[in-house]
Amino acid sequence: MSKKINLALQILPSVPSEQVYAVVDEAIAVIQASGVKYRVCPFETVMEGTYEELMEVVQKAQEVCFKAGASQLLVYIKMQIRKDEDVTMEEKTGKYDSI
């Protein structure tokens, strides 16, 4: 699967409520360091890349949440995949971006 896809990732760590944002920030740092195109949104982070590279980012994001103290994770993933062409964030939201 070498075509680009879009993947939305939401991780809800099981930690005391005052630590939730700090643990989620660790997962976002993994995404930022990965080099994939991404957009942080209030409820999830959307990424663009190949299936293989994005699933690797998803795995690393989960691992870092456990290292940051989470005892359990609820992980929600949504993907848009096309058979013969790339999927881009730009095609869906580009008209809404500020110039």
Protein backbone atom coordinates (compact mmCIF):
# COMPACT_ATOMS: atom_id res chain seq x y z
CA MET A 1 0.00 0.00 0.00
CA SER A 2 2.20 2.79 -1.28
CA LYS A 3 -0.56 5.35 -1.81
CA LYS A 4 -1.03 8.11 0.75
CA ILE A 5 -3.94 7.74 3.11
CA ASN A 6 -5.46 9.87 5.86
CA LEU A 7 -5.54 8.49 9.38
CA ALA A 8 -7.19 10.15 12.36
CA LEU A 9 -5.85 9.07 15.74
CA GLN A 10 -7.41 9.68 19.13
CA ILE A 11 -5.75 8.24 22.23
CA LEU A 12 -7.49 8.44 25.59
CA PRO A 13 -5.01 7.39 28.30
CA SER A 14 -6.11 5.98 31.62
CA VAL A 15 -4.29 8.33 34.01
CA PRO A 16 -5.42 10.81 36.66
CA SER A 17 -7.37 13.62 34.96
CA GLU A 18 -4.69 16.23 35.65
CA GLN A 19 -2.18 14.11 33.67
CA VAL A 20 -4.27 13.43 30.55
CA TYR A 21 -3.01 16.39 28.49
CA ALA A 22 0.61 15.71 29.40
CA VAL A 23 0.35 12.10 28.24
CA VAL A 24 -1.46 13.10 25.04
CA ASP A 25 1.27 15.70 24.44
CA GLU A 26 3.81 12.85 24.50
CA ALA A 27 1.87 11.07 21.74
CA ILE A 28 1.68 14.27 19.69
CA ALA A 29 5.43 14.72 20.08
CA VAL A 30 5.91 11.29 18.48
CA ILE A 31 3.75 12.37 15.55
CA GLN A 32 5.65 15.66 15.21
CA ALA A 33 9.00 13.85 15.21
CA SER A 34 7.85 11.29 12.63
CA GLY A 35 8.06 13.66 9.69
CA VAL A 36 4.57 12.85 8.40
CA LYS A 37 2.14 15.61 7.50
CA TYR A 38 -0.29 16.10 10.38
CA ARG A 39 -2.87 18.42 11.87
CA VAL A 40 -3.72 18.51 15.58
CA CYS A 41 -7.44 19.00 16.18
CA PRO A 42 -9.35 19.27 19.47
CA PHE A 43 -10.42 15.62 19.55
CA GLU A 44 -7.92 13.81 17.33
CA THR A 45 -4.81 14.26 15.23
CA VAL A 46 -5.06 13.65 11.49
CA MET A 47 -2.02 12.37 9.60
CA GLU A 48 -1.16 11.84 5.95
CA GLY A 49 1.24 9.18 4.69
CA THR A 50 1.41 5.57 3.62
CA TYR A 51 -0.47 2.97 5.61
CA GLU A 52 2.76 1.38 6.81
CA GLU A 53 4.40 4.59 8.02
CA LEU A 54 1.25 5.80 9.77
CA MET A 55 0.67 2.50 11.57
CA GLU A 56 4.27 2.68 12.80
CA VAL A 57 3.56 6.17 14.19
CA VAL A 58 0.36 4.87 15.83
CA GLN A 59 2.32 2.08 17.54
CA LYS A 60 5.03 4.45 18.79
CA ALA A 61 2.42 6.92 20.05
CA GLN A 62 0.79 4.16 22.09
CA GLU A 63 4.12 3.00 23.49
CA VAL A 64 5.06 6.48 24.65
CA CYS A 65 1.71 6.84 26.44
CA PHE A 66 2.41 3.68 28.43
CA LYS A 67 5.91 4.94 29.23
CA ALA A 68 4.34 8.20 30.42
CA GLY A 69 2.26 6.32 32.99
CA ALA A 70 -0.95 5.22 31.31
CA SER A 71 -2.24 1.87 32.56
CA GLN A 72 -4.69 1.51 29.68
CA LEU A 73 -5.47 3.27 26.41
CA LEU A 74 -8.63 3.70 24.42
CA VAL A 75 -7.41 4.16 20.84
CA TYR A 76 -9.72 5.30 18.07
CA ILE A 77 -8.51 5.20 14.48
CA LYS A 78 -10.30 6.35 11.34
CA MET A 79 -8.77 5.91 7.90
CA GLN A 80 -9.59 6.95 4.38
CA ILE A 81 -7.91 4.73 1.81
CA ARG A 82 -8.34 4.72 -1.95
CA LYS A 83 -7.49 1.83 -4.22
CA ASP A 84 -5.67 3.74 -6.95
CA GLU A 85 -4.88 7.26 -5.76
CA ASP A 86 -3.62 9.28 -2.84
CA VAL A 87 -5.88 10.76 -0.18
CA THR A 88 -4.83 14.22 1.02
CA MET A 89 -5.93 16.52 3.78
CA GLU A 90 -5.71 19.42 1.35
CA GLU A 91 -8.50 18.07 -0.86
CA LYS A 92 -10.87 17.95 2.10
CA THR A 93 -10.00 21.07 4.07
CA GLY A 94 -7.75 23.24 1.91
CA LYS A 95 -10.58 25.57 0.95
CA TYR A 96 -11.04 26.41 4.63
CA ASP A 97 -7.42 27.27 5.39
CA SER A 98 -6.61 30.96 5.86
CA ILE A 99 -4.44 32.58 3.24
